[in-house]
Amino acid sequence: MVGNSDAKPAKPLEVTVKLRLLLTSALLLFVQIPAPQAQSVTVDVAKITCDQLFKEELPWTSTYIILWLSGYYHREHNNTTIEPGALKSDEETLNQYCYGHGKTTVMDAVKNMGLGK
């Protein structure tokens, strides 16, 4: 005897369940494939102008620039303490200064405002 007469045809519900399982497995495989890394951006902070900061033409917000500058100047003065309220105030002051001094670099603006002391 060549064929098996006991073989049953697949039920529609069974086929549907198997297809869903196969599709779910395939989807999970694609989800686990790592996305390509974004290119890293390098910016010379000394060249950032107030226009760039104010018009948000940078890959970061002014908050990140203030944090970086704060660390830069705190290290320059060997000061390891920060005041979160002062950082927010400095950000607002810098944004106000930059509004009227677009061509000035941010580092010069910080010096002109006396924040880099």
N, C-alpha and C. Protein backbone atom coordinates (compact mmCIF):
# COMPACT_ATOMS: atom_id res chain seq x y z
N MET A 1 0.84 -1.16 0.00
CA MET A 1 0.00 0.00 0.00
C MET A 1 0.89 1.23 0.00
N VAL A 2 0.65 2.12 -0.91
CA VAL A 2 1.48 3.30 -1.09
C VAL A 2 1.04 4.45 -0.20
N GLY A 3 -0.16 4.78 -0.15
CA GLY A 3 -0.65 5.93 0.63
C GLY A 3 -1.21 5.52 1.97
N ASN A 4 -1.31 6.49 2.87
CA ASN A 4 -1.87 6.25 4.19
C ASN A 4 -3.31 6.72 4.16
N SER A 5 -4.22 5.79 4.30
CA SER A 5 -5.62 6.15 4.23
C SER A 5 -6.12 6.79 5.50
N ASP A 6 -5.28 6.74 6.59
CA ASP A 6 -5.67 7.34 7.86
C ASP A 6 -5.36 8.83 7.93
N ALA A 7 -4.65 9.39 6.96
CA ALA A 7 -4.28 10.81 6.99
C ALA A 7 -5.52 11.67 6.85
N LYS A 8 -5.62 12.68 7.73
CA LYS A 8 -6.78 13.55 7.71
C LYS A 8 -6.39 14.87 7.05
N PRO A 9 -7.29 15.46 6.31
CA PRO A 9 -6.99 16.78 5.75
C PRO A 9 -6.94 17.81 6.88
N ALA A 10 -6.08 18.84 6.72
CA ALA A 10 -5.91 19.87 7.74
C ALA A 10 -7.21 20.67 7.89
N LYS A 11 -7.52 20.97 9.12
CA LYS A 11 -8.72 21.74 9.40
C LYS A 11 -8.42 23.22 9.17
N PRO A 12 -9.40 24.00 8.74
CA PRO A 12 -9.17 25.43 8.49
C PRO A 12 -8.67 26.18 9.74
N LEU A 13 -9.18 25.86 10.92
CA LEU A 13 -8.76 26.53 12.14
C LEU A 13 -7.31 26.20 12.46
N GLU A 14 -6.93 24.95 12.24
CA GLU A 14 -5.55 24.52 12.49
C GLU A 14 -4.59 25.25 11.56
N VAL A 15 -4.96 25.42 10.32
CA VAL A 15 -4.12 26.13 9.35
C VAL A 15 -3.99 27.60 9.76
N THR A 16 -5.06 28.20 10.18
CA THR A 16 -5.04 29.60 10.61
C THR A 16 -4.11 29.79 11.81
N VAL A 17 -4.19 28.91 12.77
CA VAL A 17 -3.34 29.00 13.97
C VAL A 17 -1.86 28.86 13.58
N LYS A 18 -1.57 27.90 12.71
CA LYS A 18 -0.18 27.69 12.28
C LYS A 18 0.35 28.91 11.51
N LEU A 19 -0.48 29.49 10.66
CA LEU A 19 -0.06 30.68 9.91
C LEU A 19 0.21 31.86 10.85
N ARG A 20 -0.66 32.04 11.84
CA ARG A 20 -0.46 33.13 12.80
C ARG A 20 0.83 32.92 13.59
N LEU A 21 1.10 31.71 13.99
CA LEU A 21 2.32 31.39 14.72
C LEU A 21 3.55 31.67 13.86
N LEU A 22 3.48 31.28 12.60
CA LEU A 22 4.59 31.52 11.68
C LEU A 22 4.81 33.02 11.46
N LEU A 23 3.76 33.77 11.25
CA LEU A 23 3.87 35.22 11.04
C LEU A 23 4.38 35.92 12.30
N THR A 24 3.90 35.51 13.46
CA THR A 24 4.36 36.10 14.72
C THR A 24 5.84 35.82 14.93
N SER A 25 6.27 34.61 14.63
CA SER A 25 7.69 34.27 14.77
C SER A 25 8.55 35.10 13.84
N ALA A 26 8.10 35.27 12.61
CA ALA A 26 8.84 36.08 11.64
C ALA A 26 8.92 37.53 12.09
N LEU A 27 7.82 38.04 12.61
CA LEU A 27 7.81 39.41 13.10
C LEU A 27 8.79 39.60 14.25
N LEU A 28 8.82 38.67 15.18
CA LEU A 28 9.74 38.75 16.31
C LEU A 28 11.19 38.72 15.85
N LEU A 29 11.47 37.96 14.82
CA LEU A 29 12.84 37.92 14.28
C LEU A 29 13.24 39.28 13.73
N PHE A 30 12.33 39.93 13.01
CA PHE A 30 12.63 41.24 12.43
C PHE A 30 12.77 42.32 13.51
N VAL A 31 12.01 42.22 14.56
CA VAL A 31 12.07 43.20 15.64
C VAL A 31 13.42 43.14 16.34
N GLN A 32 14.00 41.95 16.42
CA GLN A 32 15.26 41.78 17.13
C GLN A 32 16.48 42.18 16.32
N ILE A 33 16.32 42.45 15.03
CA ILE A 33 17.44 42.89 14.21
C ILE A 33 17.79 44.31 14.63
N PRO A 34 19.05 44.55 15.03
CA PRO A 34 19.41 45.90 15.50
C PRO A 34 19.34 46.92 14.36
N ALA A 35 18.86 48.09 14.72
CA ALA A 35 18.79 49.19 13.76
C ALA A 35 20.19 49.76 13.54
N PRO A 36 20.46 50.27 12.36
CA PRO A 36 21.77 50.87 12.14
C PRO A 36 21.97 52.08 13.05
N GLN A 37 23.18 52.24 13.55
CA GLN A 37 23.48 53.34 14.46
C GLN A 37 23.47 54.67 13.69
N ALA A 38 22.92 55.68 14.35
CA ALA A 38 22.93 57.01 13.76
C ALA A 38 24.35 57.52 13.75
N GLN A 39 24.67 58.31 12.75
CA GLN A 39 26.01 58.86 12.68
C GLN A 39 26.21 59.81 13.85
N SER A 40 27.39 59.74 14.42
CA SER A 40 27.66 60.64 15.53
C SER A 40 27.93 62.04 14.99
N VAL A 41 27.51 63.01 15.76
CA VAL A 41 27.67 64.40 15.37
C VAL A 41 28.69 65.03 16.30
N THR A 42 29.64 65.73 15.73
CA THR A 42 30.64 66.42 16.52
C THR A 42 30.47 67.92 16.28
N VAL A 43 30.40 68.66 17.37
CA VAL A 43 30.21 70.11 17.27
C VAL A 43 31.26 70.80 18.12
N ASP A 44 31.89 71.81 17.57
CA ASP A 44 32.83 72.62 18.34
C ASP A 44 32.01 73.69 19.07
N VAL A 45 31.90 73.54 20.38
CA VAL A 45 31.06 74.43 21.17
C VAL A 45 31.53 75.88 21.06
N ALA A 46 32.83 76.08 20.89
CA ALA A 46 33.35 77.44 20.78
C ALA A 46 32.84 78.16 19.53
N LYS A 47 32.32 77.42 18.56
CA LYS A 47 31.85 78.02 17.31
C LYS A 47 30.33 78.17 17.24
N ILE A 48 29.63 77.69 18.24
CA ILE A 48 28.16 77.80 18.24
C ILE A 48 27.78 79.26 18.44
N THR A 49 26.94 79.76 17.56
CA THR A 49 26.49 81.15 17.68
C THR A 49 25.15 81.20 18.40
N CYS A 50 24.84 82.37 18.88
CA CYS A 50 23.54 82.57 19.54
C CYS A 50 22.40 82.30 18.57
N ASP A 51 22.57 82.67 17.30
CA ASP A 51 21.53 82.38 16.31
C ASP A 51 21.25 80.89 16.23
N GLN A 52 22.31 80.10 16.17
CA GLN A 52 22.14 78.65 16.09
C GLN A 52 21.43 78.12 17.33
N LEU A 53 21.80 78.64 18.48
CA LEU A 53 21.18 78.20 19.73
C LEU A 53 19.73 78.63 19.80
N PHE A 54 19.48 79.88 19.50
CA PHE A 54 18.14 80.44 19.63
C PHE A 54 17.17 79.84 18.61
N LYS A 55 17.67 79.59 17.40
CA LYS A 55 16.81 79.03 16.34
C LYS A 55 16.78 77.51 16.36
N GLU A 56 17.40 76.92 17.38
CA GLU A 56 17.42 75.48 17.56
C GLU A 56 17.94 74.76 16.32
N GLU A 57 19.07 75.23 15.79
CA GLU A 57 19.69 74.63 14.62
C GLU A 57 20.73 73.58 15.01
N LEU A 58 20.74 73.20 16.26
CA LEU A 58 21.71 72.24 16.77
C LEU A 58 21.04 70.92 17.08
N PRO A 59 21.83 69.86 17.19
CA PRO A 59 21.22 68.57 17.53
C PRO A 59 20.77 68.49 18.99
N TRP A 60 20.99 69.55 19.79
CA TRP A 60 20.57 69.55 21.19
C TRP A 60 19.84 70.85 21.50
N THR A 61 19.15 70.84 22.64
CA THR A 61 18.46 72.04 23.10
C THR A 61 19.45 72.92 23.86
N SER A 62 19.02 74.12 24.17
CA SER A 62 19.88 75.03 24.93
C SER A 62 20.19 74.48 26.32
N THR A 63 19.31 73.63 26.84
CA THR A 63 19.55 73.02 28.16
C THR A 63 20.84 72.21 28.14
N TYR A 64 21.05 71.42 27.08
CA TYR A 64 22.26 70.61 26.99
C TYR A 64 23.51 71.50 26.85
N ILE A 65 23.37 72.57 26.11
CA ILE A 65 24.51 73.49 25.95
C ILE A 65 24.86 74.11 27.30
N ILE A 66 23.85 74.55 28.05
CA ILE A 66 24.09 75.13 29.37
C ILE A 66 24.74 74.10 30.29
N LEU A 67 24.27 72.87 30.26
CA LEU A 67 24.87 71.83 31.09
C LEU A 67 26.34 71.61 30.73
N TRP A 68 26.62 71.57 29.43
CA TRP A 68 28.01 71.38 28.99
C TRP A 68 28.86 72.56 29.43
N LEU A 69 28.37 73.77 29.20
CA LEU A 69 29.12 74.96 29.59
C LEU A 69 29.32 75.03 31.09
N SER A 70 28.30 74.64 31.83
CA SER A 70 28.42 74.63 33.28
C SER A 70 29.54 73.70 33.72
N GLY A 71 29.58 72.51 33.15
CA GLY A 71 30.65 71.58 33.47
C GLY A 71 32.01 72.12 33.07
N TYR A 72 32.06 72.75 31.91
CA TYR A 72 33.31 73.33 31.40
C TYR A 72 33.85 74.39 32.36
N TYR A 73 32.99 75.33 32.73
CA TYR A 73 33.43 76.42 33.60
C TYR A 73 33.63 75.96 35.05
N HIS A 74 32.83 75.02 35.51
CA HIS A 74 33.04 74.50 36.86
C HIS A 74 34.38 73.79 36.95
N ARG A 75 34.74 73.06 35.91
CA ARG A 75 36.04 72.38 35.91
C ARG A 75 37.17 73.42 35.87
N GLU A 76 36.98 74.46 35.09
CA GLU A 76 37.99 75.51 34.97
C GLU A 76 38.28 76.15 36.33
N HIS A 77 37.25 76.22 37.18
CA HIS A 77 37.39 76.83 38.50
C HIS A 77 37.48 75.78 39.63
N ASN A 78 37.65 74.51 39.25
CA ASN A 78 37.78 73.41 40.20
C ASN A 78 36.62 73.38 41.20
N ASN A 79 35.43 73.61 40.68
CA ASN A 79 34.22 73.65 41.49
C ASN A 79 33.38 72.42 41.14
N THR A 80 33.08 71.61 42.13
CA THR A 80 32.34 70.38 41.86
C THR A 80 30.87 70.44 42.28
N THR A 81 30.37 71.59 42.63
CA THR A 81 28.97 71.71 43.04
C THR A 81 28.16 72.41 41.96
N ILE A 82 26.89 72.01 41.85
CA ILE A 82 25.98 72.67 40.92
C ILE A 82 24.70 73.02 41.64
N GLU A 83 24.01 74.01 41.13
CA GLU A 83 22.71 74.40 41.66
C GLU A 83 21.70 74.27 40.52
N PRO A 84 20.80 73.29 40.58
CA PRO A 84 19.83 73.10 39.50
C PRO A 84 19.01 74.36 39.19
N GLY A 85 18.64 75.11 40.21
CA GLY A 85 17.88 76.35 39.98
C GLY A 85 18.70 77.37 39.22
N ALA A 86 20.00 77.43 39.51
CA ALA A 86 20.88 78.36 38.82
C ALA A 86 21.04 77.97 37.35
N LEU A 87 21.07 76.67 37.08
CA LEU A 87 21.19 76.23 35.69
C LEU A 87 19.99 76.69 34.86
N LYS A 88 18.79 76.56 35.43
CA LYS A 88 17.58 76.99 34.72
C LYS A 88 17.59 78.50 34.51
N SER A 89 17.99 79.23 35.53
CA SER A 89 18.09 80.69 35.43
C SER A 89 19.12 81.09 34.38
N ASP A 90 20.27 80.41 34.39
CA ASP A 90 21.32 80.71 33.40
C ASP A 90 20.84 80.43 31.98
N GLU A 91 20.06 79.36 31.82
CA GLU A 91 19.52 79.05 30.50
C GLU A 91 18.60 80.16 30.01
N GLU A 92 17.73 80.63 30.88
CA GLU A 92 16.80 81.70 30.51
C GLU A 92 17.56 82.98 30.19
N THR A 93 18.58 83.29 31.01
CA THR A 93 19.38 84.49 30.79
C THR A 93 20.12 84.40 29.46
N LEU A 94 20.69 83.23 29.17
CA LEU A 94 21.41 83.04 27.91
C LEU A 94 20.46 83.18 26.72
N ASN A 95 19.29 82.58 26.81
CA ASN A 95 18.32 82.70 25.72
C ASN A 95 17.92 84.16 25.48
N GLN A 96 17.73 84.93 26.55
CA GLN A 96 17.39 86.34 26.41
C GLN A 96 18.54 87.12 25.77
N TYR A 97 19.76 86.84 26.21
CA TYR A 97 20.93 87.52 25.66
C TYR A 97 21.09 87.17 24.17
N CYS A 98 20.94 85.90 23.86
CA CYS A 98 21.13 85.46 22.48
C CYS A 98 20.08 86.03 21.54
N TYR A 99 18.90 86.34 22.07
CA TYR A 99 17.85 86.92 21.24
C TYR A 99 18.32 88.22 20.58
N GLY A 100 19.10 89.00 21.29
CA GLY A 100 19.56 90.28 20.74
C GLY A 100 20.99 90.28 20.22
N HIS A 101 21.69 89.15 20.31
CA HIS A 101 23.10 89.08 19.90
C HIS A 101 23.35 87.83 19.07
N GLY A 102 22.69 87.72 17.95
CA GLY A 102 22.71 86.52 17.13
C GLY A 102 24.07 86.07 16.64
N LYS A 103 24.95 87.01 16.29
CA LYS A 103 26.24 86.64 15.71
C LYS A 103 27.29 86.30 16.77
N THR A 104 27.01 86.58 18.03
CA THR A 104 27.94 86.30 19.12
C THR A 104 28.00 84.80 19.36
N THR A 105 29.21 84.28 19.64
CA THR A 105 29.29 82.86 20.00
C THR A 105 28.70 82.68 21.39
N VAL A 106 28.22 81.50 21.65
CA VAL A 106 27.60 81.22 22.94
C VAL A 106 28.62 81.35 24.07
N MET A 107 29.84 80.90 23.83
CA MET A 107 30.87 81.01 24.87
C MET A 107 31.18 82.47 25.17
N ASP A 108 31.21 83.33 24.14
CA ASP A 108 31.42 84.76 24.39
C ASP A 108 30.21 85.36 25.11
N ALA A 109 29.02 84.89 24.77
CA ALA A 109 27.81 85.39 25.44
C ALA A 109 27.87 85.06 26.93
N VAL A 110 28.29 83.84 27.25
CA VAL A 110 28.40 83.43 28.65
C VAL A 110 29.40 84.32 29.37
N LYS A 111 30.53 84.60 28.73
CA LYS A 111 31.54 85.48 29.34
C LYS A 111 30.99 86.90 29.49
N ASN A 112 30.33 87.41 28.44
CA ASN A 112 29.80 88.77 28.50
C ASN A 112 28.73 88.94 29.57
N MET A 113 28.00 87.88 29.86
CA MET A 113 26.96 87.94 30.89
C MET A 113 27.52 87.69 32.27
N GLY A 114 28.77 87.28 32.36
CA GLY A 114 29.38 87.02 33.65
C GLY A 114 29.01 85.67 34.23
N LEU A 115 28.51 84.76 33.40
CA LEU A 115 28.11 83.45 33.90
C LEU A 115 29.27 82.47 34.01
N GLY A 116 30.39 82.76 33.36
CA GLY A 116 31.50 81.83 33.35
C GLY A 116 32.48 82.02 34.51
N LYS A 117 32.02 82.67 35.56
CA LYS A 117 32.92 82.93 36.69
C LYS A 117 32.83 81.87 37.73
